[in-house]
C-alpha atoms as a PDB file:
ATOM      1  CA  MET A   1       0.000   0.000   0.000  1.00  0.00           C
ATOM      2  CA  SER A   2       1.341   3.459  -0.857  1.00  0.00           C
ATOM      3  CA  ILE A   3       0.934   6.481   1.402  1.00  0.00           C
ATOM      4  CA  ALA A   4      -1.170   8.047  -1.365  1.00  0.00           C
ATOM      5  CA  THR A   5      -4.125   5.856  -0.348  1.00  0.00           C
ATOM      6  CA  VAL A   6      -4.345   7.352   3.147  1.00  0.00           C
ATOM      7  CA  LEU A   7      -3.163  10.937   2.634  1.00  0.00           C
ATOM      8  CA  LEU A   8      -3.419  12.609  -0.735  1.00  0.00           C
ATOM      9  CA  ARG A   9      -1.604  11.932  -3.921  1.00  0.00           C
ATOM     10  CA  ILE A  10       1.582  14.741  -5.464  1.00  0.00           C
ATOM     11  CA  VAL A  11       3.090  17.059  -7.942  1.00  0.00           C
ATOM     12  CA  THR A  12       6.377  18.753  -7.153  1.00  0.00           C
ATOM     13  CA  ALA A  13       6.345  21.516  -4.568  1.00  0.00           C
ATOM     14  CA  GLY A  14       8.383  23.891  -6.690  1.00  0.00           C
ATOM     15  CA  SER A  15       5.274  25.324  -8.392  1.00  0.00           C
ATOM     16  CA  VAL A  16       4.229  27.125  -5.202  1.00  0.00           C
ATOM     17  CA  ALA A  17       7.137  29.554  -5.156  1.00  0.00           C
ATOM     18  CA  ALA A  18       6.687  30.412  -8.814  1.00  0.00           C
ATOM     19  CA  ALA A  19       2.935  30.937  -8.554  1.00  0.00           C
ATOM     20  CA  LEU A  20       3.196  33.250  -5.544  1.00  0.00           C
ATOM     21  CA  ALA A  21       6.352  35.122  -6.532  1.00  0.00           C
ATOM     22  CA  GLY A  22       6.125  38.722  -5.399  1.00  0.00           C
ATOM     23  CA  CYS A  23       2.976  38.217  -3.302  1.00  0.00           C
ATOM     24  CA  SER A  24       4.438  37.971   0.207  1.00  0.00           C
ATOM     25  CA  GLY A  25       6.410  40.263   2.455  1.00  0.00           C
ATOM     26  CA  GLY A  26       5.846  43.911   3.215  1.00  0.00           C
ATOM     27  CA  SER A  27       5.128  45.559   6.530  1.00  0.00           C
ATOM     28  CA  ALA A  28       2.014  45.084   8.632  1.00  0.00           C
ATOM     29  CA  PRO A  29       0.329  47.484  11.053  1.00  0.00           C
ATOM     30  CA  ASP A  30       1.347  47.098  14.699  1.00  0.00           C
ATOM     31  CA  GLY A  31      -1.256  45.392  16.894  1.00  0.00           C
ATOM     32  CA  GLY A  32      -4.703  46.822  16.316  1.00  0.00           C
ATOM     33  CA  ARG A  33      -8.014  45.178  15.673  1.00  0.00           C
ATOM     34  CA  TYR A  34      -8.836  42.671  12.957  1.00  0.00           C
ATOM     35  CA  THR A  35     -12.247  41.679  11.611  1.00  0.00           C
ATOM     36  CA  THR A  36     -13.565  38.497  10.063  1.00  0.00           C
ATOM     37  CA  ALA A  37     -13.558  40.198   6.658  1.00  0.00           C
ATOM     38  CA  MET A  38      -9.850  40.988   7.011  1.00  0.00           C
ATOM     39  CA  LEU A  39      -8.994  37.376   7.847  1.00  0.00           C
ATOM     40  CA  GLN A  40     -11.207  36.162   5.012  1.00  0.00           C
ATOM     41  CA  ALA A  41      -9.271  38.397   2.616  1.00  0.00           C
ATOM     42  CA  GLY A  42      -6.129  36.442   3.399  1.00  0.00           C
ATOM     43  CA  VAL A  43      -7.540  33.059   2.392  1.00  0.00           C
ATOM     44  CA  LEU A  44      -5.752  31.582  -0.601  1.00  0.00           C
ATOM     45  CA  GLN A  45      -7.970  30.139  -3.322  1.00  0.00           C
ATOM     46  CA  PRO A  46      -6.807  27.310  -5.612  1.00  0.00           C
ATOM     47  CA  ALA A  47      -6.347  29.721  -8.521  1.00  0.00           C
ATOM     48  CA  ASP A  48      -4.042  31.866  -6.372  1.00  0.00           C
ATOM     49  CA  VAL A  49      -1.486  29.045  -6.196  1.00  0.00           C
ATOM     50  CA  GLY A  50      -1.700  27.079  -9.437  1.00  0.00           C
ATOM     51  CA  SER A  51      -3.935  25.517 -12.063  1.00  0.00           C
ATOM     52  CA  THR A  52      -3.682  22.031 -10.523  1.00  0.00           C
ATOM     53  CA  TRP A  53      -4.807  23.107  -7.053  1.00  0.00           C
ATOM     54  CA  LYS A  54      -8.405  22.394  -5.985  1.00  0.00           C
ATOM     55  CA  ARG A  55     -10.676  22.329  -2.969  1.00  0.00           C
ATOM     56  CA  PRO A  56     -10.431  18.895  -1.313  1.00  0.00           C
ATOM     57  CA  GLU A  57     -13.548  16.741  -1.253  1.00  0.00           C
ATOM     58  CA  GLN A  58     -13.440  16.772   2.547  1.00  0.00           C
ATOM     59  CA  SER A  59     -12.092  19.807   4.399  1.00  0.00           C
ATOM     60  CA  PRO A  60     -10.819  19.587   7.994  1.00  0.00           C
ATOM     61  CA  PRO A  61     -13.332  20.689  10.665  1.00  0.00           C
ATOM     62  CA  ALA A  62     -13.238  24.372  11.586  1.00  0.00           C
ATOM     63  CA  THR A  63     -13.708  23.538  15.287  1.00  0.00           C
ATOM     64  CA  SER A  64     -10.189  22.174  15.718  1.00  0.00           C
ATOM     65  CA  LEU A  65      -6.603  23.001  14.759  1.00  0.00           C
ATOM     66  CA  MET A  66      -4.148  21.122  12.611  1.00  0.00           C
ATOM     67  CA  PRO A  67      -2.178  18.554  14.658  1.00  0.00           C
ATOM     68  CA  LEU A  68       0.677  20.315  16.400  1.00  0.00           C
ATOM     69  CA  CYS A  69       2.686  17.293  17.537  1.00  0.00           C
ATOM     70  CA  PRO A  70       4.391  14.438  15.701  1.00  0.00           C
ATOM     71  CA  GLY A  71       2.812  11.003  15.766  1.00  0.00           C
ATOM     72  CA  VAL A  72      -0.858  10.121  16.127  1.00  0.00           C
ATOM     73  CA  ALA A  73      -1.876  13.095  18.302  1.00  0.00           C
ATOM     74  CA  GLY A  74      -5.368  14.331  17.483  1.00  0.00           C
ATOM     75  CA  ARG A  75      -6.474  17.771  16.351  1.00  0.00           C
ATOM     76  CA  PRO A  76      -6.598  20.123  19.376  1.00  0.00           C
ATOM     77  CA  PRO A  77      -9.748  22.224  19.799  1.00  0.00           C
ATOM     78  CA  VAL A  78      -9.757  25.858  18.785  1.00  0.00           C
ATOM     79  CA  PRO A  79      -8.868  27.773  21.973  1.00  0.00           C
ATOM     80  CA  GLY A  80     -11.269  30.321  23.407  1.00  0.00           C
ATOM     81  CA  SER A  81     -14.368  31.525  21.567  1.00  0.00           C
ATOM     82  CA  PRO A  82     -13.227  33.196  18.339  1.00  0.00           C
ATOM     83  CA  THR A  83     -14.979  33.678  15.063  1.00  0.00           C
ATOM     84  CA  VAL A  84     -13.314  31.172  12.729  1.00  0.00           C
ATOM     85  CA  VAL A  85     -12.379  31.565   9.075  1.00  0.00           C
ATOM     86  CA  ALA A  86     -11.300  28.252   7.517  1.00  0.00           C
ATOM     87  CA  ALA A  87     -10.217  27.071   4.078  1.00  0.00           C
ATOM     88  CA  SER A  88      -8.252  24.203   2.540  1.00  0.00           C
ATOM     89  CA  ILE A  89      -6.685  23.665  -0.877  1.00  0.00           C
ATOM     90  CA  ALA A  90      -4.795  20.685  -2.279  1.00  0.00           C
ATOM     91  CA  ASP A  91      -2.781  19.601  -5.300  1.00  0.00           C
ATOM     92  CA  GLU A  92      -2.930  15.885  -6.093  1.00  0.00           C
ATOM     93  CA  GLY A  93      -0.706  13.917  -8.462  1.00  0.00           C
ATOM     94  CA  ASP A  94       0.669  10.469  -9.187  1.00  0.00           C
ATOM     95  CA  LYS A  95       3.734  10.805  -6.949  1.00  0.00           C
ATOM     96  CA  GLY A  96       2.203  12.396  -3.862  1.00  0.00           C
ATOM     97  CA  ALA A  97       0.372  15.593  -2.880  1.00  0.00           C
ATOM     98  CA  GLN A  98       0.481  19.090  -1.471  1.00  0.00           C
ATOM     99  CA  ALA A  99      -2.084  20.564   0.917  1.00  0.00           C
ATOM    100  CA  PHE A 100      -2.503  23.979   2.530  1.00  0.00           C
ATOM    101  CA  ASP A 101      -4.955  24.402   5.425  1.00  0.00           C
ATOM    102  CA  GLN A 102      -5.772  27.868   6.735  1.00  0.00           C
ATOM    103  CA  LEU A 103      -7.483  29.013   9.944  1.00  0.00           C
ATOM    104  CA  GLY A 104      -8.120  32.617  10.930  1.00  0.00           C
ATOM    105  CA  LEU A 105      -9.227  33.130  14.547  1.00  0.00           C
ATOM    106  CA  VAL A 106     -10.761  36.507  15.418  1.00  0.00           C
ATOM    107  CA  TYR A 107     -11.126  37.190  19.165  1.00  0.00           C
ATOM    108  CA  LYS A 108     -13.131  39.868  20.965  1.00  0.00           C
ATOM    109  CA  ASP A 109      -9.976  41.675  22.074  1.00  0.00           C
ATOM    110  CA  ALA A 110      -6.210  41.394  22.393  1.00  0.00           C
ATOM    111  CA  ALA A 111      -6.435  39.915  25.904  1.00  0.00           C
ATOM    112  CA  ALA A 112      -8.550  37.009  24.655  1.00  0.00           C
ATOM    113  CA  MET A 113      -6.098  36.473  21.800  1.00  0.00           C
ATOM    114  CA  ASP A 114      -3.139  36.477  24.190  1.00  0.00           C
ATOM    115  CA  ALA A 115      -4.770  33.854  26.392  1.00  0.00           C
ATOM    116  CA  ALA A 116      -5.552  31.641  23.413  1.00  0.00           C
ATOM    117  CA  PHE A 117      -2.060  32.069  22.000  1.00  0.00           C
ATOM    118  CA  THR A 118      -0.475  31.127  25.332  1.00  0.00           C
ATOM    119  CA  SER A 119      -2.517  27.911  25.394  1.00  0.00           C
ATOM    120  CA  LEU A 120      -1.228  27.045  21.917  1.00  0.00           C
ATOM    121  CA  GLU A 121       2.354  27.758  22.980  1.00  0.00           C
ATOM    122  CA  ASP A 122       1.888  25.481  25.987  1.00  0.00           C
ATOM    123  CA  ALA A 123       0.459  22.726  23.790  1.00  0.00           C
ATOM    124  CA  MET A 124       3.371  23.022  21.375  1.00  0.00           C
ATOM    125  CA  ASP A 125       5.929  23.025  24.182  1.00  0.00           C
ATOM    126  CA  ALA A 126       4.439  19.760  25.473  1.00  0.00           C
ATOM    127  CA  CYS A 127       4.955  17.985  22.134  1.00  0.00           C
ATOM    128  CA  PRO A 128       7.618  15.256  22.048  1.00  0.00           C
ATOM    129  CA  PRO A 129      10.471  15.853  19.573  1.00  0.00           C
ATOM    130  CA  SER A 130       9.794  12.573  17.787  1.00  0.00           C
ATOM    131  CA  ALA A 131       7.306   9.722  17.508  1.00  0.00           C
ATOM    132  CA  SER A 132       7.047   6.348  15.799  1.00  0.00           C
ATOM    133  CA  LYS A 133       4.092   4.248  14.732  1.00  0.00           C
ATOM    134  CA  SER A 134       3.888   0.630  13.675  1.00  0.00           C
ATOM    135  CA  ALA A 135       2.036  -0.334  10.515  1.00  0.00           C
ATOM    136  CA  GLY A 136      -1.713  -0.721  10.913  1.00  0.00           C
ATOM    137  CA  PRO A 137      -3.890  -3.557   9.590  1.00  0.00           C
ATOM    138  CA  ARG A 138      -3.378  -4.237   5.902  1.00  0.00           C
ATOM    139  CA  ASP A 139      -6.416  -2.584   4.366  1.00  0.00           C
ATOM    140  CA  ASP A 140      -7.138   0.444   2.221  1.00  0.00           C
ATOM    141  CA  THR A 141      -7.309   2.864   5.162  1.00  0.00           C
ATOM    142  CA  ALA A 142      -4.281   1.767   7.186  1.00  0.00           C
ATOM    143  CA  GLU A 143      -1.240   4.010   7.290  1.00  0.00           C
ATOM    144  CA  ALA A 144       2.204   2.504   6.879  1.00  0.00           C
ATOM    145  CA  GLY A 145       4.591   2.526   9.832  1.00  0.00           C
ATOM    146  CA  TYR A 146       6.776   5.593  10.178  1.00  0.00           C
ATOM    147  CA  THR A 147       9.153   7.670  12.289  1.00  0.00           C
ATOM    148  CA  GLU A 148       8.481  11.404  12.600  1.00  0.00           C
ATOM    149  CA  THR A 149      10.662  14.169  14.009  1.00  0.00           C
ATOM    150  CA  SER A 150       9.707  17.760  14.831  1.00  0.00           C
ATOM    151  CA  THR A 151      11.472  21.060  15.434  1.00  0.00           C
ATOM    152  CA  ILE A 152       9.981  24.334  16.710  1.00  0.00           C
ATOM    153  CA  GLU A 153      11.266  27.698  15.539  1.00  0.00           C
ATOM    154  CA  PRO A 154      10.225  31.329  16.185  1.00  0.00           C
ATOM    155  CA  LEU A 155       8.409  32.974  13.291  1.00  0.00           C
ATOM    156  CA  THR A 156       7.920  36.654  12.439  1.00  0.00           C
ATOM    157  CA  SER A 157       6.195  38.030   9.351  1.00  0.00           C
ATOM    158  CA  GLY A 158       5.489  41.754   9.255  1.00  0.00           C
ATOM    159  CA  GLY A 159       3.906  42.547  12.623  1.00  0.00           C
ATOM    160  CA  TRP A 160       2.799  38.927  13.159  1.00  0.00           C
ATOM    161  CA  THR A 161       4.833  36.873  15.625  1.00  0.00           C
ATOM    162  CA  GLY A 162       4.676  33.289  16.826  1.00  0.00           C
ATOM    163  CA  PHE A 163       6.242  29.958  15.987  1.00  0.00           C
ATOM    164  CA  VAL A 164       6.308  27.199  13.426  1.00  0.00           C
ATOM    165  CA  ALA A 165       6.532  23.450  13.983  1.00  0.00           C
ATOM    166  CA  VAL A 166       8.291  21.641  11.133  1.00  0.00           C
ATOM    167  CA  ARG A 167       7.774  17.882  11.033  1.00  0.00           C
ATOM    168  CA  HIS A 168       9.500  15.276   8.856  1.00  0.00           C
ATOM    169  CA  LYS A 169       8.000  11.793   8.519  1.00  0.00           C
ATOM    170  CA  VAL A 170       9.789   8.805   6.982  1.00  0.00           C
ATOM    171  CA  TYR A 171       7.746   5.699   6.191  1.00  0.00           C
ATOM    172  CA  GLU A 172       8.954   2.148   6.640  1.00  0.00           C
ATOM    173  CA  PRO A 173      11.021   0.601   3.807  1.00  0.00           C
ATOM    174  CA  GLY A 174       8.164  -1.677   2.737  1.00  0.00           C
ATOM    175  CA  ASN A 175       6.072   1.400   1.867  1.00  0.00           C
ATOM    176  CA  PRO A 176       8.691   4.041   1.069  1.00  0.00           C
ATOM    177  CA  GLY A 177       7.701   7.658   1.222  1.00  0.00           C
ATOM    178  CA  THR A 178       8.140  10.869   3.177  1.00  0.00           C
ATOM    179  CA  ALA A 179       5.938  13.665   4.466  1.00  0.00           C
ATOM    180  CA  ASP A 180       6.946  17.194   5.459  1.00  0.00           C
ATOM    181  CA  VAL A 181       4.573  19.450   7.381  1.00  0.00           C
ATOM    182  CA  ALA A 182       5.009  23.032   8.583  1.00  0.00           C
ATOM    183  CA  VAL A 183       2.374  24.356  11.013  1.00  0.00           C
ATOM    184  CA  ALA A 184       2.699  28.103  11.559  1.00  0.00           C
ATOM    185  CA  VAL A 185       0.946  29.822  14.473  1.00  0.00           C
ATOM    186  CA  VAL A 186       1.181  33.632  14.591  1.00  0.00           C
ATOM    187  CA  GLY A 187      -0.793  36.356  16.310  1.00  0.00           C
ATOM    188  CA  GLN A 188      -1.277  40.108  16.247  1.00  0.00           C
ATOM    189  CA  GLY A 189      -3.850  42.399  17.849  1.00  0.00           C
ATOM    190  CA  ASN A 190      -6.991  40.319  18.386  1.00  0.00           C
ATOM    191  CA  ALA A 191      -6.298  37.661  15.718  1.00  0.00           C
ATOM    192  CA  ILE A 192      -4.415  34.402  15.317  1.00  0.00           C
ATOM    193  CA  VAL A 193      -3.569  32.744  12.018  1.00  0.00           C
ATOM    194  CA  VAL A 194      -2.791  29.028  11.914  1.00  0.00           C
ATOM    195  CA  ALA A 195      -1.586  27.709   8.569  1.00  0.00           C
ATOM    196  CA  SER A 196      -0.355  24.230   7.683  1.00  0.00           C
ATOM    197  CA  TYR A 197       1.538  23.336   4.514  1.00  0.00           C
ATOM    198  CA  ALA A 198       2.098  19.626   3.905  1.00  0.00           C
ATOM    199  CA  ALA A 199       3.951  17.868   1.098  1.00  0.00           C
ATOM    200  CA  TYR A 200       3.855  14.088   0.651  1.00  0.00           C
ATOM    201  CA  TRP A 201       6.125  12.098  -1.612  1.00  0.00           C
ATOM    202  CA  VAL A 202       5.669   8.484  -2.655  1.00  0.00           C
ATOM    203  CA  GLY A 203       9.012   6.674  -2.898  1.00  0.00           C
ATOM    204  CA  GLN A 204      12.445   7.855  -1.865  1.00  0.00           C
ATOM    205  CA  HIS A 205      12.811  11.610  -1.438  1.00  0.00           C
ATOM    206  CA  ASN A 206      15.177  14.013   0.309  1.00  0.00           C
ATOM    207  CA  THR A 207      13.636  17.226   1.583  1.00  0.00           C
ATOM    208  CA  GLY A 208      15.127  20.186  -0.261  1.00  0.00           C
ATOM    209  CA  PRO A 209      15.134  23.938   0.412  1.00  0.00           C
ATOM    210  CA  GLU A 210      12.040  24.363  -1.773  1.00  0.00           C
ATOM    211  CA  PHE A 211       9.832  23.045   1.042  1.00  0.00           C
ATOM    212  CA  THR A 212      10.928  25.821   3.406  1.00  0.00           C
ATOM    213  CA  ALA A 213      10.645  28.425   0.664  1.00  0.00           C
ATOM    214  CA  ASP A 214       7.139  27.223  -0.207  1.00  0.00           C
ATOM    215  CA  TRP A 215       5.632  27.230   3.284  1.00  0.00           C
ATOM    216  CA  ARG A 216       7.173  30.618   4.053  1.00  0.00           C
ATOM    217  CA  ARG A 217       5.785  32.100   0.857  1.00  0.00           C
ATOM    218  CA  LEU A 218       2.312  30.630   1.397  1.00  0.00           C
ATOM    219  CA  VAL A 219       2.085  31.830   4.998  1.00  0.00           C
ATOM    220  CA  GLY A 220       3.615  35.205   4.164  1.00  0.00           C
ATOM    221  CA  THR A 221       1.136  35.723   1.349  1.00  0.00           C
ATOM    222  CA  VAL A 222      -1.842  35.028   3.621  1.00  0.00           C
ATOM    223  CA  LEU A 223      -0.610  37.502   6.237  1.00  0.00           C
ATOM    224  CA  SER A 224       0.273  40.232   3.755  1.00  0.00           C
ATOM    225  CA  ARG A 225      -3.212  39.945   2.180  1.00  0.00           C
ATOM    226  CA  VAL A 226      -4.851  40.240   5.605  1.00  0.00           C
ATOM    227  CA  ASP A 227      -2.859  43.367   6.398  1.00  0.00           C
ATOM    228  CA  ALA A 228      -3.475  44.831   2.954  1.00  0.00           C
ATOM    229  CA  LYS A 229      -7.213  44.504   3.597  1.00  0.00           C
ATOM    230  CA  ARG A 230      -6.827  46.131   7.004  1.00  0.00           C
ATOM    231  CA  ALA A 231      -4.741  48.987   5.627  1.00  0.00           C
ATOM    232  CA  GLY A 232      -7.266  49.522   2.833  1.00  0.00           C
END
């Protein structure tokens, strides 16, 4: 069984950087108040990234976050009581897949955002640096065995600050493949943005610098669009 049967299926990740060239970066206002419309303006549509990107048939629930820890940890609930903006896009191919999940969390004020952000920092700090899983039952829904490692780094983009967890998963030799996931969590004013870029490869693959360039450009583009809407 290939990992494509339980995740998605992929084209190369290099198309992301080319499609979004020139869209990220710039300065953002300091602090301040964000609205749902501003966070919605940051959502990337399939056409924003490339002609092969589409909406997935099943999008992740908007009541929970992308998994923050390596291994089989579940999706943590959205902290606090924000208004949630959610969207997912994916690019499927014969050799693997790319996916980009986006959550915008708009809180009543900066204090509520700070409390929610602290809870996410605590959850991330509690994550183990690595995890392993044995192969499941041999059926169409079982995931192959793997070992996954994770690193946490600070992240700043414009006025947004937070952290990013970068995970690397290597599947067992009987079902070769790799998966790289970057989950960025940043906040400013009364809003938090959580964005997850994942790239899955079937077969042998060494992670190259394009993965880092791609997730940074995707996340940076979302944040710059939010701040452009706010400034406008």
